[in-house]
N, C-alpha and C. Protein backbone atom coordinates (compact mmCIF):
# COMPACT_ATOMS: atom_id res chain seq x y z
N LYS A 1 -31.77 3.71 38.14
CA LYS A 1 -31.65 3.14 36.81
C LYS A 1 -30.61 3.89 35.99
N ASN A 2 -30.66 5.20 36.03
CA ASN A 2 -29.71 5.98 35.25
C ASN A 2 -28.28 5.68 35.65
N GLY A 3 -28.03 5.49 36.93
CA GLY A 3 -26.68 5.20 37.40
C GLY A 3 -26.17 3.88 36.84
N SER A 4 -27.03 2.84 36.81
CA SER A 4 -26.57 1.55 36.30
C SER A 4 -26.36 1.60 34.80
N ASN A 5 -27.20 2.35 34.09
CA ASN A 5 -27.00 2.49 32.64
C ASN A 5 -25.69 3.20 32.34
N ASN A 6 -25.39 4.24 33.11
CA ASN A 6 -24.14 4.96 32.89
C ASN A 6 -22.94 4.07 33.16
N ASN A 7 -23.04 3.25 34.23
CA ASN A 7 -21.93 2.35 34.54
C ASN A 7 -21.73 1.33 33.43
N THR A 8 -22.84 0.82 32.90
CA THR A 8 -22.74 -0.16 31.82
C THR A 8 -22.07 0.47 30.61
N ASN A 9 -22.48 1.68 30.26
CA ASN A 9 -21.87 2.37 29.12
C ASN A 9 -20.40 2.64 29.36
N ASN A 10 -20.08 3.07 30.58
CA ASN A 10 -18.68 3.33 30.89
C ASN A 10 -17.85 2.06 30.81
N ASN A 11 -18.43 0.93 31.30
CA ASN A 11 -17.70 -0.33 31.24
C ASN A 11 -17.44 -0.75 29.79
N ASN A 12 -18.44 -0.57 28.93
CA ASN A 12 -18.24 -0.91 27.52
C ASN A 12 -17.17 -0.04 26.89
N ASN A 13 -17.20 1.23 27.20
CA ASN A 13 -16.19 2.13 26.65
C ASN A 13 -14.81 1.78 27.18
N ASP A 14 -14.74 1.44 28.48
CA ASP A 14 -13.45 1.06 29.06
C ASP A 14 -12.91 -0.19 28.39
N THR A 15 -13.79 -1.17 28.14
CA THR A 15 -13.36 -2.41 27.50
C THR A 15 -12.81 -2.11 26.11
N ASN A 16 -13.52 -1.28 25.34
CA ASN A 16 -13.07 -0.95 23.99
C ASN A 16 -11.75 -0.18 24.02
N ASN A 17 -11.58 0.69 25.00
CA ASN A 17 -10.36 1.49 25.07
C ASN A 17 -9.17 0.68 25.56
N ASN A 18 -9.41 -0.40 26.33
CA ASN A 18 -8.31 -1.20 26.83
C ASN A 18 -7.59 -1.95 25.72
N ASN A 19 -8.29 -2.35 24.69
CA ASN A 19 -7.68 -3.08 23.60
C ASN A 19 -8.22 -2.57 22.26
N PRO A 20 -7.73 -1.44 21.79
CA PRO A 20 -8.25 -0.88 20.55
C PRO A 20 -7.92 -1.73 19.32
N ASN A 21 -6.99 -2.68 19.44
CA ASN A 21 -6.60 -3.52 18.31
C ASN A 21 -7.29 -4.87 18.31
N GLU A 22 -8.30 -5.04 19.16
CA GLU A 22 -8.95 -6.33 19.34
C GLU A 22 -9.49 -6.90 18.03
N GLY A 23 -10.06 -6.09 17.18
CA GLY A 23 -10.66 -6.56 15.93
C GLY A 23 -9.71 -6.61 14.75
N LEU A 24 -8.45 -6.29 14.96
CA LEU A 24 -7.49 -6.26 13.87
C LEU A 24 -7.28 -7.65 13.29
N GLN A 25 -7.50 -7.79 11.98
CA GLN A 25 -7.37 -9.09 11.33
C GLN A 25 -6.03 -9.25 10.62
N ARG A 26 -5.65 -8.23 9.85
CA ARG A 26 -4.42 -8.30 9.05
C ARG A 26 -3.67 -6.99 9.12
N VAL A 27 -2.36 -7.10 8.90
CA VAL A 27 -1.52 -5.92 8.74
C VAL A 27 -0.78 -6.10 7.43
N GLY A 28 -0.78 -5.08 6.61
CA GLY A 28 -0.02 -5.09 5.37
C GLY A 28 1.12 -4.09 5.46
N LEU A 29 2.31 -4.56 5.15
CA LEU A 29 3.49 -3.69 5.16
C LEU A 29 3.96 -3.51 3.73
N VAL A 30 4.08 -2.28 3.32
CA VAL A 30 4.48 -1.98 1.95
C VAL A 30 5.83 -1.29 1.97
N ASP A 31 6.77 -1.86 1.21
CA ASP A 31 8.11 -1.29 1.07
C ASP A 31 8.88 -1.33 2.39
N ALA A 32 8.59 -2.31 3.22
CA ALA A 32 9.27 -2.43 4.52
C ALA A 32 9.24 -3.88 4.97
N GLN A 33 10.41 -4.42 5.29
CA GLN A 33 10.51 -5.79 5.79
C GLN A 33 11.21 -5.86 7.14
N ARG A 34 11.58 -4.72 7.69
CA ARG A 34 12.33 -4.69 8.94
C ARG A 34 11.57 -3.87 9.97
N ARG A 35 11.60 -4.34 11.21
CA ARG A 35 10.90 -3.65 12.30
C ARG A 35 11.36 -2.21 12.47
N ASP A 36 12.63 -1.96 12.27
CA ASP A 36 13.13 -0.60 12.48
C ASP A 36 12.59 0.40 11.47
N ARG A 37 11.89 -0.06 10.44
CA ARG A 37 11.29 0.83 9.45
C ARG A 37 9.81 1.11 9.73
N LEU A 38 9.26 0.49 10.77
CA LEU A 38 7.81 0.56 11.01
C LEU A 38 7.38 1.69 11.93
N GLY A 39 8.28 2.19 12.73
CA GLY A 39 7.92 3.25 13.67
C GLY A 39 6.83 2.78 14.62
N PRO A 40 5.87 3.65 14.94
CA PRO A 40 4.84 3.29 15.91
C PRO A 40 3.90 2.18 15.44
N ALA A 41 3.89 1.87 14.15
CA ALA A 41 3.01 0.81 13.64
C ALA A 41 3.47 -0.58 14.09
N GLU A 42 4.69 -0.68 14.58
CA GLU A 42 5.22 -1.98 15.02
C GLU A 42 4.32 -2.63 16.08
N VAL A 43 3.67 -1.82 16.92
CA VAL A 43 2.84 -2.38 17.99
C VAL A 43 1.64 -3.15 17.44
N LEU A 44 1.28 -2.94 16.18
CA LEU A 44 0.14 -3.63 15.60
C LEU A 44 0.44 -5.08 15.23
N LEU A 45 1.70 -5.40 14.98
CA LEU A 45 2.07 -6.72 14.45
C LEU A 45 1.53 -7.89 15.27
N PRO A 46 1.72 -7.92 16.59
CA PRO A 46 1.23 -9.08 17.34
C PRO A 46 -0.28 -9.19 17.40
N HIS A 47 -1.01 -8.15 17.03
CA HIS A 47 -2.47 -8.15 17.10
C HIS A 47 -3.14 -8.64 15.82
N ALA A 48 -2.38 -8.84 14.76
CA ALA A 48 -2.94 -9.25 13.48
C ALA A 48 -3.29 -10.74 13.54
N LYS A 49 -4.57 -11.04 13.75
CA LYS A 49 -5.00 -12.43 13.94
C LYS A 49 -4.70 -13.31 12.73
N LEU A 50 -4.80 -12.76 11.53
CA LEU A 50 -4.57 -13.54 10.31
C LEU A 50 -3.18 -13.30 9.74
N GLY A 51 -2.34 -12.61 10.48
CA GLY A 51 -0.95 -12.45 10.09
C GLY A 51 -0.65 -11.15 9.37
N VAL A 52 0.58 -11.07 8.94
CA VAL A 52 1.13 -9.89 8.30
C VAL A 52 1.53 -10.25 6.87
N THR A 53 1.21 -9.38 5.94
CA THR A 53 1.63 -9.53 4.55
C THR A 53 2.64 -8.45 4.23
N ILE A 54 3.75 -8.86 3.66
CA ILE A 54 4.80 -7.92 3.25
C ILE A 54 4.79 -7.81 1.74
N VAL A 55 4.71 -6.58 1.24
CA VAL A 55 4.78 -6.31 -0.20
C VAL A 55 5.98 -5.38 -0.39
N ASP A 56 6.99 -5.86 -1.13
CA ASP A 56 8.23 -5.10 -1.22
C ASP A 56 8.92 -5.37 -2.55
N HIS A 57 9.82 -4.48 -2.91
CA HIS A 57 10.61 -4.66 -4.12
C HIS A 57 12.10 -4.77 -3.81
N HIS A 58 12.44 -4.87 -2.56
CA HIS A 58 13.83 -5.05 -2.14
C HIS A 58 14.08 -6.54 -1.94
N VAL A 59 14.47 -7.24 -2.99
CA VAL A 59 14.61 -8.69 -2.92
C VAL A 59 15.79 -9.12 -2.06
N ASP A 60 16.76 -8.24 -1.86
CA ASP A 60 17.92 -8.60 -1.06
C ASP A 60 17.73 -8.30 0.42
N ALA A 61 16.58 -7.73 0.80
CA ALA A 61 16.31 -7.42 2.20
C ALA A 61 15.91 -8.69 2.94
N GLU A 62 16.37 -8.79 4.17
CA GLU A 62 16.02 -9.93 5.00
C GLU A 62 15.04 -9.46 6.07
N SER A 63 13.90 -10.08 6.13
CA SER A 63 12.86 -9.67 7.06
C SER A 63 13.15 -10.18 8.47
N ASP A 64 12.85 -9.33 9.46
CA ASP A 64 12.94 -9.75 10.86
C ASP A 64 11.54 -9.73 11.52
N ILE A 65 10.51 -9.82 10.69
CA ILE A 65 9.13 -9.76 11.18
C ILE A 65 8.58 -11.19 11.24
N GLN A 66 8.61 -11.76 12.44
CA GLN A 66 8.20 -13.14 12.62
C GLN A 66 6.71 -13.35 12.34
N GLU A 67 5.92 -12.30 12.48
CA GLU A 67 4.47 -12.41 12.27
C GLU A 67 4.10 -12.51 10.79
N ALA A 68 5.05 -12.28 9.91
CA ALA A 68 4.76 -12.29 8.46
C ALA A 68 4.39 -13.70 8.02
N ARG A 69 3.25 -13.80 7.34
CA ARG A 69 2.78 -15.08 6.80
C ARG A 69 2.80 -15.08 5.28
N ASN A 70 2.72 -13.91 4.69
CA ASN A 70 2.69 -13.81 3.23
C ASN A 70 3.73 -12.80 2.77
N TYR A 71 4.45 -13.19 1.74
CA TYR A 71 5.45 -12.30 1.14
C TYR A 71 5.14 -12.13 -0.34
N VAL A 72 5.09 -10.89 -0.78
CA VAL A 72 4.99 -10.59 -2.20
C VAL A 72 6.19 -9.68 -2.47
N VAL A 73 7.28 -10.28 -2.87
CA VAL A 73 8.54 -9.56 -3.06
C VAL A 73 9.02 -9.85 -4.47
N GLU A 74 9.19 -8.79 -5.26
CA GLU A 74 9.59 -8.94 -6.66
C GLU A 74 10.76 -8.03 -6.97
N ASN A 75 11.58 -8.47 -7.89
CA ASN A 75 12.75 -7.72 -8.31
C ASN A 75 12.37 -6.69 -9.38
N VAL A 76 11.72 -5.63 -8.93
CA VAL A 76 11.34 -4.51 -9.79
C VAL A 76 11.79 -3.22 -9.11
N GLY A 77 11.66 -2.12 -9.80
CA GLY A 77 12.14 -0.86 -9.27
C GLY A 77 11.28 -0.22 -8.20
N SER A 78 10.02 -0.65 -8.09
CA SER A 78 9.10 0.03 -7.19
C SER A 78 7.91 -0.86 -6.88
N VAL A 79 7.36 -0.73 -5.68
CA VAL A 79 6.12 -1.43 -5.36
C VAL A 79 5.00 -0.90 -6.26
N SER A 80 5.07 0.36 -6.62
CA SER A 80 4.07 0.92 -7.55
C SER A 80 4.09 0.18 -8.88
N THR A 81 5.26 -0.29 -9.30
CA THR A 81 5.37 -1.10 -10.51
C THR A 81 4.56 -2.39 -10.34
N MET A 82 4.71 -3.03 -9.20
CA MET A 82 3.99 -4.27 -8.93
C MET A 82 2.48 -4.04 -8.98
N ILE A 83 2.04 -2.96 -8.39
CA ILE A 83 0.61 -2.64 -8.36
C ILE A 83 0.11 -2.32 -9.76
N ALA A 84 0.85 -1.49 -10.50
CA ALA A 84 0.44 -1.10 -11.85
C ALA A 84 0.34 -2.31 -12.77
N GLU A 85 1.29 -3.24 -12.65
CA GLU A 85 1.26 -4.45 -13.48
C GLU A 85 0.01 -5.27 -13.20
N ARG A 86 -0.33 -5.43 -11.94
CA ARG A 86 -1.50 -6.22 -11.58
C ARG A 86 -2.79 -5.54 -12.05
N LEU A 87 -2.86 -4.23 -11.91
CA LEU A 87 -4.05 -3.51 -12.36
C LEU A 87 -4.22 -3.59 -13.87
N LYS A 88 -3.11 -3.49 -14.60
CA LYS A 88 -3.16 -3.58 -16.06
C LYS A 88 -3.64 -4.96 -16.48
N ILE A 89 -3.11 -6.01 -15.87
CA ILE A 89 -3.52 -7.38 -16.20
C ILE A 89 -5.01 -7.59 -15.95
N LYS A 90 -5.51 -7.00 -14.87
CA LYS A 90 -6.93 -7.13 -14.52
C LYS A 90 -7.82 -6.21 -15.35
N GLY A 91 -7.23 -5.32 -16.15
CA GLY A 91 -8.02 -4.41 -16.97
C GLY A 91 -8.66 -3.28 -16.18
N VAL A 92 -8.09 -2.94 -15.06
CA VAL A 92 -8.64 -1.87 -14.21
C VAL A 92 -8.30 -0.52 -14.83
N GLU A 93 -9.30 0.31 -14.99
CA GLU A 93 -9.09 1.66 -15.48
C GLU A 93 -8.86 2.58 -14.30
N LEU A 94 -7.77 3.31 -14.34
CA LEU A 94 -7.40 4.18 -13.23
C LEU A 94 -7.96 5.58 -13.42
N THR A 95 -8.24 6.22 -12.31
CA THR A 95 -8.59 7.64 -12.36
C THR A 95 -7.29 8.42 -12.58
N GLU A 96 -7.42 9.68 -12.89
CA GLU A 96 -6.25 10.54 -13.06
C GLU A 96 -5.41 10.55 -11.78
N ALA A 97 -6.06 10.65 -10.64
CA ALA A 97 -5.34 10.70 -9.36
C ALA A 97 -4.62 9.38 -9.09
N GLU A 98 -5.27 8.25 -9.35
CA GLU A 98 -4.65 6.95 -9.11
C GLU A 98 -3.42 6.75 -10.00
N ALA A 99 -3.56 7.08 -11.29
CA ALA A 99 -2.42 6.95 -12.21
C ALA A 99 -1.28 7.86 -11.80
N THR A 100 -1.61 9.06 -11.36
CA THR A 100 -0.59 10.01 -10.94
C THR A 100 0.15 9.50 -9.70
N ILE A 101 -0.58 8.98 -8.73
CA ILE A 101 0.05 8.48 -7.51
C ILE A 101 0.99 7.31 -7.82
N LEU A 102 0.54 6.38 -8.64
CA LEU A 102 1.39 5.25 -9.00
C LEU A 102 2.61 5.71 -9.79
N ALA A 103 2.41 6.63 -10.72
CA ALA A 103 3.54 7.15 -11.50
C ALA A 103 4.53 7.87 -10.60
N LEU A 104 4.04 8.61 -9.62
CA LEU A 104 4.94 9.28 -8.68
C LEU A 104 5.72 8.27 -7.83
N GLY A 105 5.08 7.17 -7.48
CA GLY A 105 5.77 6.12 -6.74
C GLY A 105 6.91 5.53 -7.54
N ILE A 106 6.66 5.26 -8.82
CA ILE A 106 7.70 4.74 -9.71
C ILE A 106 8.80 5.78 -9.88
N HIS A 107 8.41 7.02 -10.10
CA HIS A 107 9.37 8.11 -10.27
C HIS A 107 10.27 8.23 -9.04
N SER A 108 9.67 8.19 -7.86
CA SER A 108 10.43 8.37 -6.62
C SER A 108 11.38 7.20 -6.36
N ASP A 109 10.87 5.98 -6.49
CA ASP A 109 11.69 4.80 -6.19
C ASP A 109 12.79 4.54 -7.21
N THR A 110 12.60 5.01 -8.43
CA THR A 110 13.56 4.69 -9.49
C THR A 110 14.39 5.89 -9.94
N GLY A 111 14.20 7.05 -9.30
CA GLY A 111 14.92 8.24 -9.74
C GLY A 111 14.62 8.56 -11.18
N SER A 112 13.34 8.56 -11.52
CA SER A 112 12.89 8.78 -12.90
C SER A 112 13.45 7.74 -13.86
N LEU A 113 13.56 6.51 -13.36
CA LEU A 113 14.01 5.34 -14.14
C LEU A 113 15.49 5.36 -14.47
N VAL A 114 16.29 6.14 -13.73
CA VAL A 114 17.72 6.19 -14.03
C VAL A 114 18.60 5.56 -12.95
N TYR A 115 18.07 5.23 -11.78
CA TYR A 115 18.89 4.59 -10.75
C TYR A 115 19.41 3.25 -11.26
N ASP A 116 20.61 2.89 -10.83
CA ASP A 116 21.18 1.59 -11.18
C ASP A 116 20.30 0.45 -10.69
N SER A 117 19.60 0.68 -9.59
CA SER A 117 18.76 -0.37 -9.02
C SER A 117 17.43 -0.52 -9.76
N THR A 118 17.16 0.34 -10.75
CA THR A 118 15.93 0.22 -11.52
C THR A 118 16.04 -1.02 -12.39
N VAL A 119 15.16 -1.97 -12.11
CA VAL A 119 15.24 -3.26 -12.78
C VAL A 119 13.86 -3.71 -13.21
N GLY A 120 13.81 -4.84 -13.84
CA GLY A 120 12.53 -5.45 -14.16
C GLY A 120 11.77 -4.65 -15.19
N LEU A 121 10.48 -4.58 -15.01
CA LEU A 121 9.60 -3.97 -16.00
C LEU A 121 9.17 -2.56 -15.62
N SER A 122 9.94 -1.90 -14.77
CA SER A 122 9.54 -0.57 -14.30
C SER A 122 9.17 0.40 -15.43
N PRO A 123 9.90 0.43 -16.55
CA PRO A 123 9.50 1.37 -17.60
C PRO A 123 8.12 1.09 -18.18
N PHE A 124 7.72 -0.18 -18.24
CA PHE A 124 6.46 -0.50 -18.88
C PHE A 124 5.24 -0.06 -18.07
N PRO A 125 5.18 -0.33 -16.76
CA PRO A 125 4.06 0.23 -16.01
C PRO A 125 4.08 1.76 -16.00
N ALA A 126 5.28 2.34 -15.95
CA ALA A 126 5.34 3.80 -15.99
C ALA A 126 4.77 4.31 -17.29
N LEU A 127 5.11 3.65 -18.39
CA LEU A 127 4.57 4.04 -19.70
C LEU A 127 3.06 3.84 -19.73
N PHE A 128 2.59 2.71 -19.20
CA PHE A 128 1.16 2.43 -19.12
C PHE A 128 0.43 3.53 -18.36
N LEU A 129 1.00 3.95 -17.24
CA LEU A 129 0.38 5.00 -16.44
C LEU A 129 0.42 6.34 -17.16
N LEU A 130 1.54 6.63 -17.82
CA LEU A 130 1.68 7.89 -18.54
C LEU A 130 0.70 7.96 -19.70
N VAL A 131 0.60 6.88 -20.47
CA VAL A 131 -0.33 6.85 -21.60
C VAL A 131 -1.76 7.01 -21.09
N GLY A 132 -2.10 6.30 -20.00
CA GLY A 132 -3.44 6.44 -19.43
C GLY A 132 -3.73 7.87 -19.00
N PHE A 133 -2.76 8.51 -18.41
CA PHE A 133 -2.92 9.89 -17.96
C PHE A 133 -3.09 10.83 -19.16
N ILE A 134 -2.25 10.63 -20.18
CA ILE A 134 -2.35 11.49 -21.38
C ILE A 134 -3.70 11.31 -22.06
N LEU A 135 -4.15 10.06 -22.21
CA LEU A 135 -5.45 9.82 -22.82
C LEU A 135 -6.57 10.44 -22.00
N PHE A 136 -6.48 10.34 -20.69
CA PHE A 136 -7.48 10.96 -19.83
C PHE A 136 -7.52 12.46 -20.07
N CYS A 137 -6.34 13.09 -20.12
CA CYS A 137 -6.28 14.53 -20.33
C CYS A 137 -6.85 14.91 -21.69
N LEU A 138 -6.51 14.14 -22.71
CA LEU A 138 -7.02 14.43 -24.06
C LEU A 138 -8.54 14.32 -24.11
N PHE A 139 -9.07 13.21 -23.58
CA PHE A 139 -10.50 13.00 -23.64
C PHE A 139 -11.26 13.98 -22.75
N SER A 140 -10.71 14.31 -21.61
CA SER A 140 -11.41 15.23 -20.73
C SER A 140 -11.40 16.64 -21.30
N SER A 141 -10.32 17.04 -21.97
CA SER A 141 -10.31 18.38 -22.57
C SER A 141 -11.19 18.40 -23.80
N CYS A 142 -11.28 17.31 -24.54
CA CYS A 142 -12.19 17.26 -25.70
C CYS A 142 -13.63 17.34 -25.26
N ALA A 143 -13.93 16.74 -24.13
CA ALA A 143 -15.31 16.73 -23.63
C ALA A 143 -15.79 18.12 -23.26
N HIS A 144 -14.85 19.05 -22.99
CA HIS A 144 -15.25 20.40 -22.58
C HIS A 144 -15.38 21.37 -23.77
N ILE A 145 -15.09 20.89 -24.95
CA ILE A 145 -15.22 21.76 -26.13
C ILE A 145 -16.68 21.82 -26.52
N PRO A 146 -17.25 23.05 -26.69
CA PRO A 146 -18.68 23.17 -27.03
C PRO A 146 -18.99 22.71 -28.43
């Protein structure tokens, strides 16, 4: 009995190891529309049963990813701008870490809002994130006063 149980377990493990991407439903690509930018993640594309979604701010880029079914591409300075705008519209309150990460994304993609390619509403989400961060700092430091 023990031998057959072990074989059954080994067979299940072998099956799972043969196709680790079997349950993959979707792949989301952020800030990348070309296969040469994906590195080892490229192998996941054909396994996405419900397709690939591309989220990017490079409107002039031409995608070579045939598996892509959804495109969210906007002429703004950063994908972080796109995310911050949507969160603001939905009224989502960000944690300090979340606001910092999004602000750093905008900072990095736009060269602190000075690159020629900085377009769209990039300053406004950056300001929204900065104000949220400042308010968080003010309120959290006030909360620690005895």
